[in-house]
Amino acid sequence: MRTPFTMDSAGFLTLLDALERRFNEVTAAASLSFAGIDGDLHPVVQPACAGEEDCADRGESADFAQSAGAEDSAQPEPAASCPSARCDSELRSPASTPLSCDFHGRTGAFHDEVFDPQLVELASSAFGSTCWASLMCVASLGLDAALAECARQFLTHTSIIVRQKGLAVWLYDLINDATMAMLLGQTSARMPVTIRPMSQVQISRWLHGSGVKRFGSQQQRAADRAEYGNQAHRLAAYCMLRWGAPAASSAQIATMLLTNPGIGMCMLREDPNVRAQGACTDTRYRRVVDYLRSLHAQADLDYARALKIGDVPWLSPDGHTAVTIAADRRYLYDANRLVHAYRALWDRATADPAQLLMAVEETRTLPEEPLWENPVYLRDLADSLMGSVLADDLTMGFQQRDRERFDRGVRTLEHMGDQVRAMNVLMLPIMAIDECEPDWNAVAARGYKARTTQWRAFCDRCDDLATVVLAQLQGQGEGLHVRAAASLLKQSLPEYCELALPLFEQEIERLAGREQGAAEASAGVRGHAREGGAVHVDMAA
């Protein structure tokens, strides 16, 4: 079945125009710094080697050892890195100051004298927590005229495409470019230099050098191409949630972009402007979407039967808010059944979920297994409970019959279930982000490889939590799960809290009203007892 949607290209363009104006204002006022000549402003520091991982950064491969190794050993202060945008203050954005640390994500580390707060907010709102947002911030510093020109050209190209053909066309084209770079094994010229943490010298080589080695070692180039694809899909999911409609279609497409990128990209073809550009007309992917939808319907019926017979976890209403207790019980029920299902199938031969979906798409061959023995459903359920990256230990551990990895995934799921049981699903992202976010100041003192690994892992975790929110909070108000997931993809915890707070305020008011009603009822009983005599007074007491 077709999944119709529309995208508010005009709303995106309004924000993009404001970003472009602010970017031009900031860069016009910025003085250019030529490769560290003004050493007082951008001093080169040399932190001590923190261990084997840092030393490995200085010579990852033979074809890059002489250049990259020398730079990493001296480790000039980084001028850029692609961020995870999260902070403890008012502003969250995708970068951090280049004077003292990498663009690691805590905008609490954004100093007003380094980045323009308005530019940071506009870039983060337009592109979420991606390397395109950090590109705007880094380029605005005026460290390199070529970098500023790259950012300006990106804004101009984006504006032209969206204005002429629509937001969906721009997103589809961006994903297609990243996909082709992966398939061909060639670094795309459109991939931003802020794809990973770099020194100013490395940025200069990327922009002004020649040959493929200017993009890093062979290992770095391969990892960057994969990350480019991840970020393109993340940006598309964020834009779909932010400017897509209706909410149900936006949530479904965004979920696919995060968990099944190939199908998510295909779903963008439902936009008529994308089709008009010559996109593939093959619509067999709809069979996969319809099949997954039918599995969800079966799962809802199964849960309804379990509710009827009382075979679901019981949670005290006093310990869980009324607005989330139903979602909390469903999460715990599904998590428990998922682990039991995998364990029951451990000694049986099972098919690869990807191959089953391929058969559904190509030949309409539907798996005959019951719901809780169906590898496709179990994988899909794991994604909805944990997110696709975090669920890999559980699902791949089962698929490969790797007991150690599977048990690690079970422990992770059980820990998330404990958090839901202790609080609720609404609080799960807040607690999970608080647990997984590293000490960015400590990360900044390490080598570039460690920094890249840390912030990419944190970005993946926020994507996972956005996936969980899309799946678990569908019934919590009109479009709440869409807006909440967008705030997590932007990695703006304050925005998420602002969305969650009204629900808790409603619960507090409800409890206060119940207590007041009980007090009034008690007062009425006592008043009646006083009127009725001493016996009634004693009984009331």
Protein backbone atom coordinates (compact mmCIF):
# COMPACT_ATOMS: atom_id res chain seq x y z
CA MET A 1 0.00 0.00 0.00
CA ARG A 2 1.25 3.46 -0.87
CA THR A 3 2.43 5.69 1.99
CA PRO A 4 1.43 9.25 0.96
CA PHE A 5 3.15 12.19 2.56
CA THR A 6 3.92 15.85 1.99
CA MET A 7 6.84 17.99 3.10
CA ASP A 8 6.74 21.65 4.08
CA SER A 9 9.45 22.88 1.74
CA ALA A 10 8.42 26.49 2.32
CA GLY A 11 8.95 26.15 6.06
CA PHE A 12 12.38 24.61 5.52
CA LEU A 13 13.34 27.37 3.06
CA THR A 14 12.33 30.06 5.54
CA LEU A 15 14.71 28.60 8.10
CA LEU A 16 17.41 28.06 5.47
CA ASP A 17 17.19 31.68 4.33
CA ALA A 18 17.58 32.88 7.91
CA LEU A 19 20.59 30.59 8.33
CA GLU A 20 22.18 31.85 5.12
CA ARG A 21 21.73 35.49 6.12
CA ARG A 22 23.22 34.88 9.54
CA PHE A 23 26.10 32.88 8.09
CA ASN A 24 26.97 35.72 5.72
CA GLU A 25 26.78 38.25 8.55
CA VAL A 26 29.07 36.20 10.79
CA THR A 27 31.63 35.34 8.10
CA ALA A 28 31.75 38.95 6.93
CA ALA A 29 32.77 39.98 10.43
CA ALA A 30 35.27 37.15 10.91
CA SER A 31 38.96 37.66 10.17
CA LEU A 32 40.62 34.87 8.22
CA SER A 33 43.24 32.72 9.89
CA PHE A 34 45.78 31.20 7.53
CA ALA A 35 46.87 27.75 8.77
CA GLY A 36 47.73 28.87 12.29
CA ILE A 37 49.79 31.96 11.40
CA ASP A 38 47.95 33.91 14.11
CA GLY A 39 49.19 31.49 16.74
CA ASP A 40 47.84 33.54 19.61
CA LEU A 41 44.28 32.85 18.52
CA HIS A 42 44.73 29.22 17.51
CA PRO A 43 47.77 27.90 19.39
CA VAL A 44 49.14 24.49 18.53
CA VAL A 45 49.25 22.24 21.58
CA GLN A 46 50.82 18.85 22.09
CA PRO A 47 48.95 16.68 24.61
CA ALA A 48 50.68 13.67 26.04
CA CYS A 49 50.00 10.32 24.41
CA ALA A 50 47.13 8.74 26.29
CA GLY A 51 47.78 5.16 25.22
CA GLU A 52 48.02 2.75 22.35
CA GLU A 53 44.89 4.07 20.68
CA ASP A 54 46.34 7.57 20.40
CA CYS A 55 49.60 6.22 19.03
CA ALA A 56 47.66 4.21 16.48
CA ASP A 57 46.10 7.47 15.27
CA ARG A 58 49.54 8.63 14.19
CA GLY A 59 50.07 5.85 11.67
CA GLU A 60 46.91 4.03 10.67
CA SER A 61 48.23 2.88 7.32
CA ALA A 62 51.38 2.92 5.26
CA ASP A 63 49.99 5.23 2.60
CA PHE A 64 49.24 7.89 5.21
CA ALA A 65 51.88 7.29 7.83
CA GLN A 66 54.30 10.07 6.97
CA SER A 67 51.74 12.85 6.72
CA ALA A 68 48.99 11.87 9.12
CA GLY A 69 51.36 10.32 11.60
CA ALA A 70 53.41 13.48 11.93
CA GLU A 71 50.35 15.60 12.43
CA ASP A 72 48.73 13.40 15.02
CA SER A 73 51.92 13.18 17.02
CA ALA A 74 52.03 16.95 17.26
CA GLN A 75 48.24 17.10 17.47
CA PRO A 76 47.40 20.70 16.65
CA GLU A 77 44.16 21.85 18.17
CA PRO A 78 41.24 20.56 16.10
CA ALA A 79 39.36 23.02 13.98
CA ALA A 80 36.45 20.75 13.27
CA SER A 81 34.64 17.60 14.03
CA CYS A 82 31.23 16.28 13.35
CA PRO A 83 29.20 16.42 16.47
CA SER A 84 26.59 14.96 18.59
CA ALA A 85 24.55 17.93 19.56
CA ARG A 86 23.77 17.80 23.20
CA CYS A 87 24.24 20.24 26.07
CA ASP A 88 23.31 21.01 29.64
CA SER A 89 22.58 24.69 29.06
CA GLU A 90 20.02 26.54 26.99
CA LEU A 91 21.68 25.83 23.65
CA ARG A 92 22.45 22.46 22.10
CA SER A 93 24.30 22.14 18.85
CA PRO A 94 26.59 19.97 16.82
CA ALA A 95 29.98 21.33 17.80
CA SER A 96 32.31 22.58 20.44
CA THR A 97 35.05 25.13 20.56
CA PRO A 98 38.08 24.36 18.36
CA LEU A 99 40.36 26.28 20.68
CA SER A 100 40.39 23.70 23.43
CA CYS A 101 38.61 20.56 22.28
CA ASP A 102 36.82 18.82 19.45
CA PHE A 103 33.32 19.55 18.26
CA HIS A 104 32.05 16.88 20.56
CA GLY A 105 28.48 17.94 21.00
CA ARG A 106 28.01 19.61 24.34
CA THR A 107 26.98 23.11 23.42
CA GLY A 108 27.74 23.99 26.98
CA ALA A 109 31.26 24.00 25.56
CA PHE A 110 30.19 26.51 22.92
CA HIS A 111 31.64 29.80 24.01
CA ASP A 112 29.93 32.95 22.82
CA GLU A 113 33.27 34.42 21.83
CA VAL A 114 33.91 31.46 19.49
CA PHE A 115 30.58 30.63 17.86
CA ASP A 116 27.64 32.83 17.17
CA PRO A 117 24.76 31.40 19.26
CA GLN A 118 22.13 32.39 16.73
CA LEU A 119 24.02 30.68 13.91
CA VAL A 120 24.44 27.55 16.01
CA GLU A 121 20.74 27.36 16.76
CA LEU A 122 19.72 27.96 13.14
CA ALA A 123 22.16 25.36 11.80
CA SER A 124 21.08 22.81 14.38
CA SER A 125 17.39 23.44 13.68
CA ALA A 126 17.87 23.10 9.92
CA PHE A 127 20.16 20.07 9.78
CA GLY A 128 19.83 18.41 13.17
CA SER A 129 22.94 16.86 14.67
CA THR A 130 24.85 16.20 11.46
CA CYS A 131 28.09 17.19 9.80
CA TRP A 132 26.23 19.79 7.73
CA ALA A 133 25.27 21.69 10.85
CA SER A 134 28.84 21.60 12.13
CA LEU A 135 30.06 22.72 8.69
CA MET A 136 28.12 25.95 9.12
CA CYS A 137 29.61 26.53 12.56
CA VAL A 138 33.21 25.72 11.65
CA ALA A 139 33.15 27.68 8.41
CA SER A 140 31.77 30.74 10.19
CA LEU A 141 35.02 31.07 12.14
CA GLY A 142 36.84 32.24 9.02
CA LEU A 143 39.71 29.78 9.46
CA ASP A 144 39.90 29.16 5.72
CA ALA A 145 38.27 31.02 2.86
CA ALA A 146 37.80 27.75 0.94
CA LEU A 147 35.90 26.22 3.87
CA ALA A 148 33.57 29.21 4.08
CA GLU A 149 33.00 28.96 0.35
CA CYS A 150 32.16 25.24 0.65
CA ALA A 151 29.53 26.04 3.27
CA ARG A 152 28.14 28.89 1.22
CA GLN A 153 27.90 26.72 -1.90
CA PHE A 154 26.14 24.01 0.07
CA LEU A 155 23.53 26.49 1.31
CA THR A 156 23.05 27.92 -2.18
CA HIS A 157 22.73 24.49 -3.82
CA THR A 158 20.30 23.31 -1.15
CA SER A 159 18.16 26.42 -1.52
CA ILE A 160 17.98 26.09 -5.31
CA ILE A 161 17.05 22.39 -5.28
CA VAL A 162 14.44 22.72 -2.54
CA ARG A 163 12.95 25.83 -4.11
CA GLN A 164 12.67 24.31 -7.56
CA LYS A 165 11.96 20.64 -6.82
CA GLY A 166 11.03 20.27 -3.15
CA LEU A 167 12.60 19.09 0.08
CA ALA A 168 12.08 15.38 -0.64
CA VAL A 169 14.06 15.64 -3.89
CA TRP A 170 17.01 17.24 -2.09
CA LEU A 171 17.01 14.55 0.61
CA TYR A 172 16.69 11.73 -1.92
CA ASP A 173 19.55 13.16 -3.96
CA LEU A 174 21.74 13.46 -0.86
CA ILE A 175 21.07 9.85 0.16
CA ASN A 176 21.66 8.69 -3.40
CA ASP A 177 25.04 10.45 -3.49
CA ALA A 178 26.09 8.78 -0.23
CA THR A 179 24.86 5.40 -1.47
CA MET A 180 26.78 5.69 -4.74
CA ALA A 181 29.93 6.67 -2.85
CA MET A 182 29.60 3.46 -0.82
CA LEU A 183 28.90 1.25 -3.85
CA LEU A 184 31.74 2.71 -5.93
CA GLY A 185 34.19 2.93 -3.05
CA GLN A 186 34.97 6.55 -3.92
CA THR A 187 34.81 9.56 -1.63
CA SER A 188 32.15 11.98 -2.82
CA ALA A 189 33.13 15.59 -3.42
CA ARG A 190 29.90 16.54 -1.64
CA MET A 191 30.90 14.89 1.63
CA PRO A 192 31.64 17.67 4.17
CA VAL A 193 35.09 17.99 5.65
CA THR A 194 33.42 17.94 9.08
CA ILE A 195 32.61 14.24 8.71
CA ARG A 196 35.08 13.50 11.55
CA PRO A 197 37.41 15.31 13.97
CA MET A 198 40.41 16.82 12.20
CA SER A 199 43.29 19.19 12.84
CA GLN A 200 43.54 22.47 10.97
CA VAL A 201 46.35 21.00 8.87
CA GLN A 202 44.20 18.01 7.90
CA ILE A 203 41.34 20.31 6.95
CA SER A 204 43.67 22.39 4.81
CA ARG A 205 44.98 19.26 3.05
CA TRP A 206 41.40 18.07 2.42
CA LEU A 207 40.43 21.40 0.88
CA HIS A 208 43.59 22.31 -1.01
CA GLY A 209 45.33 18.99 -1.66
CA SER A 210 44.99 16.60 -4.56
CA GLY A 211 44.54 12.85 -4.87
CA VAL A 212 42.54 10.53 -2.67
CA LYS A 213 45.06 10.56 0.17
CA ARG A 214 44.05 14.09 1.07
CA PHE A 215 40.85 12.49 2.44
CA GLY A 216 42.83 10.33 4.87
CA SER A 217 44.04 6.77 5.00
CA GLN A 218 42.24 3.97 3.18
CA GLN A 219 40.63 2.86 6.44
CA GLN A 220 39.52 6.40 7.25
CA ARG A 221 38.04 6.91 3.80
CA ALA A 222 35.99 3.72 4.05
CA ALA A 223 34.72 4.63 7.51
CA ASP A 224 33.90 8.17 6.37
CA ARG A 225 31.88 6.90 3.42
CA ALA A 226 29.85 4.69 5.75
CA GLU A 227 29.33 7.60 8.13
CA TYR A 228 28.32 9.83 5.24
CA GLY A 229 25.53 7.38 4.48
CA ASN A 230 24.49 7.20 8.13
CA GLN A 231 24.32 10.96 8.41
CA ALA A 232 22.42 11.36 5.14
CA HIS A 233 19.74 8.97 6.41
CA ARG A 234 19.75 10.68 9.83
CA LEU A 235 19.24 14.07 8.19
CA ALA A 236 16.41 12.69 6.05
CA ALA A 237 14.72 11.17 9.09
CA TYR A 238 15.06 14.44 11.01
CA CYS A 239 13.64 16.50 8.13
CA MET A 240 10.80 14.03 7.67
CA LEU A 241 9.83 14.36 11.33
CA ARG A 242 10.29 18.12 11.34
CA TRP A 243 8.61 19.06 8.05
CA GLY A 244 6.73 15.94 6.96
CA ALA A 245 2.99 15.28 7.21
CA PRO A 246 0.84 13.49 8.21
CA ALA A 247 2.44 12.41 11.47
CA ALA A 248 1.78 8.70 10.95
CA SER A 249 3.48 8.62 7.54
CA SER A 250 6.36 10.79 8.76
CA ALA A 251 6.97 8.48 11.70
CA GLN A 252 6.85 5.36 9.53
CA ILE A 253 9.27 6.72 6.92
CA ALA A 254 11.64 8.11 9.56
CA THR A 255 11.65 4.77 11.36
CA MET A 256 12.55 2.97 8.14
CA LEU A 257 15.31 5.47 7.38
CA LEU A 258 16.83 4.70 10.78
CA THR A 259 16.32 0.93 10.88
CA ASN A 260 16.04 -0.20 7.25
CA PRO A 261 17.70 2.56 5.19
CA GLY A 262 17.16 0.90 1.83
CA ILE A 263 13.39 0.70 2.31
CA GLY A 264 13.35 4.19 3.83
CA MET A 265 15.02 5.61 0.74
CA CYS A 266 12.49 3.81 -1.46
CA MET A 267 9.63 5.32 0.53
CA LEU A 268 10.89 8.81 -0.36
CA ARG A 269 10.03 7.93 -3.98
CA GLU A 270 6.37 8.28 -3.10
CA ASP A 271 6.90 12.01 -3.50
CA PRO A 272 5.80 12.85 -7.07
CA ASN A 273 8.68 15.31 -7.53
CA VAL A 274 11.19 12.57 -6.73
CA ARG A 275 9.61 10.35 -9.36
CA ALA A 276 9.68 13.21 -11.85
CA GLN A 277 13.47 13.35 -11.52
CA GLY A 278 13.77 9.84 -12.91
CA ALA A 279 13.96 7.85 -9.68
CA CYS A 280 13.46 4.10 -9.99
CA THR A 281 9.80 3.24 -10.49
CA ASP A 282 10.04 -0.19 -8.85
CA THR A 283 7.38 -0.30 -6.13
CA ARG A 284 7.88 -3.84 -4.89
CA TYR A 285 9.25 -2.45 -1.62
CA ARG A 286 5.63 -1.68 -0.72
CA ARG A 287 5.16 -5.41 -0.18
CA VAL A 288 7.74 -5.27 2.61
CA VAL A 289 6.11 -2.22 4.19
CA ASP A 290 2.68 -3.86 4.04
CA TYR A 291 4.00 -7.11 5.46
CA LEU A 292 5.64 -5.36 8.41
CA ARG A 293 2.42 -3.49 9.01
CA SER A 294 0.51 -6.78 9.09
CA LEU A 295 2.99 -8.17 11.63
CA HIS A 296 2.39 -5.16 13.86
CA ALA A 297 -1.36 -5.76 13.65
CA GLN A 298 -0.85 -9.42 14.63
CA ALA A 299 1.30 -8.33 17.55
CA ASP A 300 -1.39 -5.91 18.75
CA LEU A 301 -3.98 -8.71 18.70
CA ASP A 302 -1.62 -11.00 20.57
CA TYR A 303 -1.10 -8.36 23.23
CA ALA A 304 -4.85 -7.75 23.51
CA ARG A 305 -5.36 -11.46 24.22
CA ALA A 306 -2.57 -11.37 26.80
CA LEU A 307 -4.23 -8.41 28.49
CA LYS A 308 -7.54 -10.23 28.60
CA ILE A 309 -6.10 -13.19 30.45
CA GLY A 310 -3.80 -11.06 32.61
CA ASP A 311 -0.57 -12.41 31.13
CA VAL A 312 1.24 -9.07 31.16
CA PRO A 313 3.53 -7.40 33.73
CA TRP A 314 1.66 -5.62 36.51
CA LEU A 315 2.81 -2.13 37.44
CA SER A 316 1.59 -0.16 40.42
CA PRO A 317 -0.37 2.96 39.41
CA ASP A 318 1.24 4.74 42.34
CA GLY A 319 4.70 4.17 40.89
CA HIS A 320 3.88 4.91 37.24
CA THR A 321 2.16 7.85 35.64
CA ALA A 322 -1.25 7.13 34.20
CA VAL A 323 -0.24 8.64 30.86
CA THR A 324 2.55 6.09 30.29
CA ILE A 325 1.60 3.00 32.29
CA ALA A 326 0.02 1.30 29.25
CA ALA A 327 3.16 1.91 27.16
CA ASP A 328 5.34 0.77 30.06
CA ARG A 329 3.49 -2.55 30.36
CA ARG A 330 3.63 -3.14 26.61
CA TYR A 331 7.39 -2.44 26.54
CA LEU A 332 8.08 -4.89 29.38
CA TYR A 333 5.78 -7.53 27.87
CA ASP A 334 7.45 -7.32 24.45
CA ALA A 335 10.97 -7.32 25.92
CA ASN A 336 10.25 -10.40 28.00
CA ARG A 337 8.59 -12.29 25.13
CA LEU A 338 11.39 -11.36 22.73
CA VAL A 339 14.12 -12.88 24.90
CA HIS A 340 12.04 -16.01 25.54
CA ALA A 341 11.34 -16.38 21.81
CA TYR A 342 15.00 -16.16 20.86
CA ARG A 343 15.98 -18.67 23.54
CA ALA A 344 13.27 -21.08 22.43
CA LEU A 345 14.60 -20.91 18.85
CA TRP A 346 18.27 -21.15 19.79
CA ASP A 347 18.71 -24.83 18.88
CA ARG A 348 16.54 -24.62 15.76
CA ALA A 349 17.57 -23.55 12.27
CA THR A 350 16.14 -20.15 11.40
CA ALA A 351 16.26 -18.06 8.23
CA ASP A 352 18.00 -14.74 7.82
CA PRO A 353 15.43 -11.91 8.30
CA ALA A 354 16.94 -9.95 5.40
CA GLN A 355 16.53 -12.92 3.06
CA LEU A 356 12.94 -13.42 4.16
CA LEU A 357 12.14 -9.78 3.44
CA MET A 358 13.86 -10.07 0.08
CA ALA A 359 11.61 -13.00 -0.76
CA VAL A 360 8.57 -10.97 0.32
CA GLU A 361 9.65 -8.12 -1.93
CA GLU A 362 10.59 -10.14 -4.99
CA THR A 363 8.16 -13.07 -5.00
CA ARG A 364 5.47 -12.20 -2.42
CA THR A 365 6.54 -15.29 -0.47
CA LEU A 366 5.37 -14.73 3.10
CA PRO A 367 7.06 -16.56 5.99
CA GLU A 368 4.87 -19.29 7.41
CA GLU A 369 6.25 -19.19 10.96
CA PRO A 370 3.99 -18.11 13.85
CA LEU A 371 4.48 -14.58 15.09
CA TRP A 372 6.88 -15.39 17.93
CA GLU A 373 8.90 -17.76 15.74
CA ASN A 374 9.16 -15.33 12.84
CA PRO A 375 12.75 -13.93 12.55
CA VAL A 376 11.46 -10.88 10.68
CA TYR A 377 9.11 -9.88 13.47
CA LEU A 378 11.66 -10.61 16.19
CA ARG A 379 14.23 -8.40 14.47
CA ASP A 380 11.68 -5.63 13.92
CA LEU A 381 10.57 -5.85 17.55
CA ALA A 382 14.17 -5.67 18.79
CA ASP A 383 14.68 -2.49 16.74
CA SER A 384 11.56 -0.93 18.26
CA LEU A 385 12.69 -1.75 21.81
CA MET A 386 16.36 -0.87 21.52
CA GLY A 387 17.10 0.80 18.19
CA SER A 388 18.86 -0.91 15.29
CA VAL A 389 22.48 -0.37 16.40
CA LEU A 390 21.95 -1.26 20.04
CA ALA A 391 19.89 -4.31 19.06
CA ASP A 392 22.71 -5.78 16.96
CA ASP A 393 24.22 -7.70 19.86
CA LEU A 394 20.89 -9.39 20.53
CA THR A 395 19.81 -10.07 16.96
CA MET A 396 23.18 -10.82 15.39
CA GLY A 397 24.23 -12.79 18.44
CA PHE A 398 21.19 -15.00 17.88
CA GLN A 399 21.63 -15.19 14.12
CA GLN A 400 25.29 -16.19 14.46
CA ARG A 401 24.56 -18.30 17.57
CA ASP A 402 27.22 -16.29 19.39
CA ARG A 403 26.24 -16.91 23.02
CA GLU A 404 28.51 -14.22 24.48
CA ARG A 405 27.23 -11.52 22.16
CA PHE A 406 23.63 -12.63 22.58
CA ASP A 407 23.89 -12.54 26.37
CA ARG A 408 25.37 -9.06 26.15
CA GLY A 409 22.36 -7.96 24.14
CA VAL A 410 20.01 -9.58 26.65
CA ARG A 411 21.68 -7.71 29.50
CA THR A 412 21.31 -4.43 27.62
CA LEU A 413 17.61 -5.05 26.99
CA GLU A 414 17.04 -6.11 30.59
CA HIS A 415 18.76 -2.95 31.78
CA MET A 416 16.50 -0.82 29.61
CA GLY A 417 13.52 -2.77 30.96
CA ASP A 418 14.66 -2.06 34.51
CA GLN A 419 14.76 1.64 33.68
CA VAL A 420 11.22 1.50 32.30
CA ARG A 421 10.06 -0.45 35.36
CA ALA A 422 11.70 2.05 37.72
CA MET A 423 10.47 5.14 35.87
CA ASN A 424 8.66 4.92 32.52
CA VAL A 425 9.19 4.85 28.76
CA LEU A 426 9.04 8.63 28.59
CA MET A 427 12.06 8.91 30.88
CA LEU A 428 14.04 6.15 29.14
CA PRO A 429 15.83 8.44 26.63
CA ILE A 430 16.81 10.89 29.37
CA MET A 431 18.30 8.17 31.55
CA ALA A 432 19.96 6.39 28.62
CA ILE A 433 21.60 9.56 27.28
CA ASP A 434 22.80 10.47 30.74
CA GLU A 435 24.41 7.04 31.05
CA CYS A 436 26.02 6.79 27.64
CA GLU A 437 27.32 10.29 27.04
CA PRO A 438 31.09 10.29 27.58
CA ASP A 439 33.16 12.90 29.34
CA TRP A 440 33.83 15.12 26.36
CA ASN A 441 36.70 16.95 28.03
CA ALA A 442 38.46 13.63 28.58
CA VAL A 443 37.67 12.58 25.01
CA ALA A 444 39.16 15.81 23.66
CA ALA A 445 42.50 14.95 25.27
CA ARG A 446 42.75 11.71 23.33
CA GLY A 447 43.73 10.99 19.74
CA TYR A 448 41.54 11.70 16.75
CA LYS A 449 40.61 8.05 16.28
CA ALA A 450 39.24 7.83 19.83
CA ARG A 451 37.35 11.09 19.42
CA THR A 452 35.77 9.93 16.19
CA THR A 453 34.75 6.61 17.72
CA GLN A 454 33.20 8.29 20.76
CA TRP A 455 31.06 10.85 19.01
CA ARG A 456 29.88 8.45 16.30
CA ALA A 457 28.84 5.94 18.96
CA PHE A 458 26.95 8.65 20.83
CA CYS A 459 25.18 9.74 17.62
CA ASP A 460 24.14 6.13 17.00
CA ARG A 461 22.75 5.86 20.52
CA CYS A 462 20.64 8.99 20.07
CA ASP A 463 19.34 7.58 16.77
CA ASP A 464 18.42 4.37 18.60
CA LEU A 465 16.50 6.27 21.26
CA ALA A 466 14.65 8.24 18.61
CA THR A 467 13.61 4.90 17.08
CA VAL A 468 12.38 3.67 20.47
CA VAL A 469 10.36 6.86 20.98
CA LEU A 470 8.73 6.54 17.55
CA ALA A 471 7.67 2.98 18.34
CA GLN A 472 6.70 3.26 22.01
CA LEU A 473 5.08 6.70 22.37
CA GLN A 474 2.59 6.62 19.51
CA GLY A 475 -0.41 7.00 21.80
CA GLN A 476 0.91 9.89 23.89
CA GLY A 477 -0.84 12.85 22.28
CA GLU A 478 -1.14 14.01 18.69
CA GLY A 479 2.28 13.88 17.07
CA LEU A 480 4.15 13.83 20.38
CA HIS A 481 6.29 10.85 19.35
CA VAL A 482 7.23 12.64 16.12
CA ARG A 483 8.32 15.84 17.85
CA ALA A 484 10.08 13.95 20.63
CA ALA A 485 12.02 11.80 18.17
CA ALA A 486 13.05 14.88 16.19
CA SER A 487 14.45 16.46 19.35
CA LEU A 488 16.52 13.31 19.98
CA LEU A 489 17.83 13.27 16.40
CA LYS A 490 18.78 16.88 16.99
CA GLN A 491 20.24 15.66 20.29
CA SER A 492 18.49 18.45 22.15
CA LEU A 493 17.59 17.06 25.53
CA PRO A 494 16.02 20.36 26.72
CA GLU A 495 13.55 20.22 23.82
CA TYR A 496 12.70 16.62 24.68
CA CYS A 497 12.16 17.57 28.33
CA GLU A 498 9.90 20.44 27.30
CA LEU A 499 7.72 17.96 25.45
CA ALA A 500 7.68 15.46 28.30
CA LEU A 501 7.13 17.95 31.11
CA PRO A 502 3.47 18.76 30.30
CA LEU A 503 2.59 15.07 30.59
CA PHE A 504 4.11 14.92 34.05
CA GLU A 505 2.38 18.17 35.00
CA GLN A 506 -0.94 16.63 33.97
CA GLU A 507 -0.19 13.63 36.16
CA ILE A 508 0.72 15.85 39.11
CA GLU A 509 -2.53 17.78 38.68
CA ARG A 510 -4.45 14.52 38.45
CA LEU A 511 -2.88 13.18 41.64
CA ALA A 512 -3.39 16.50 43.40
CA GLY A 513 -7.03 16.49 42.36
CA ARG A 514 -7.46 12.92 43.58
CA GLU A 515 -5.89 13.79 46.93
CA GLN A 516 -8.07 16.87 47.23
CA GLY A 517 -11.15 14.83 46.39
CA ALA A 518 -10.20 12.24 48.99
CA ALA A 519 -9.67 14.98 51.57
CA GLU A 520 -13.04 16.53 50.79
CA ALA A 521 -14.73 13.12 50.98
CA SER A 522 -13.03 12.44 54.30
CA ALA A 523 -14.11 15.83 55.61
CA GLY A 524 -17.67 15.12 54.54
CA VAL A 525 -17.66 11.75 56.31
CA ARG A 526 -16.31 13.33 59.47
CA GLY A 527 -18.87 16.13 59.30
CA HIS A 528 -21.67 13.63 58.86
CA ALA A 529 -20.29 11.63 61.78
CA ARG A 530 -20.31 14.68 64.03
CA GLU A 531 -23.93 15.26 63.17
CA GLY A 532 -24.86 11.61 63.73
CA GLY A 533 -23.44 11.11 67.24
CA ALA A 534 -20.44 9.86 69.13
CA VAL A 535 -20.55 6.36 67.71
CA HIS A 536 -20.08 7.74 64.20
CA VAL A 537 -17.28 9.98 65.38
CA ASP A 538 -15.48 6.99 66.85
CA MET A 539 -15.95 4.99 63.68
CA ALA A 540 -14.63 7.82 61.50
CA ALA A 541 -11.61 8.13 63.74
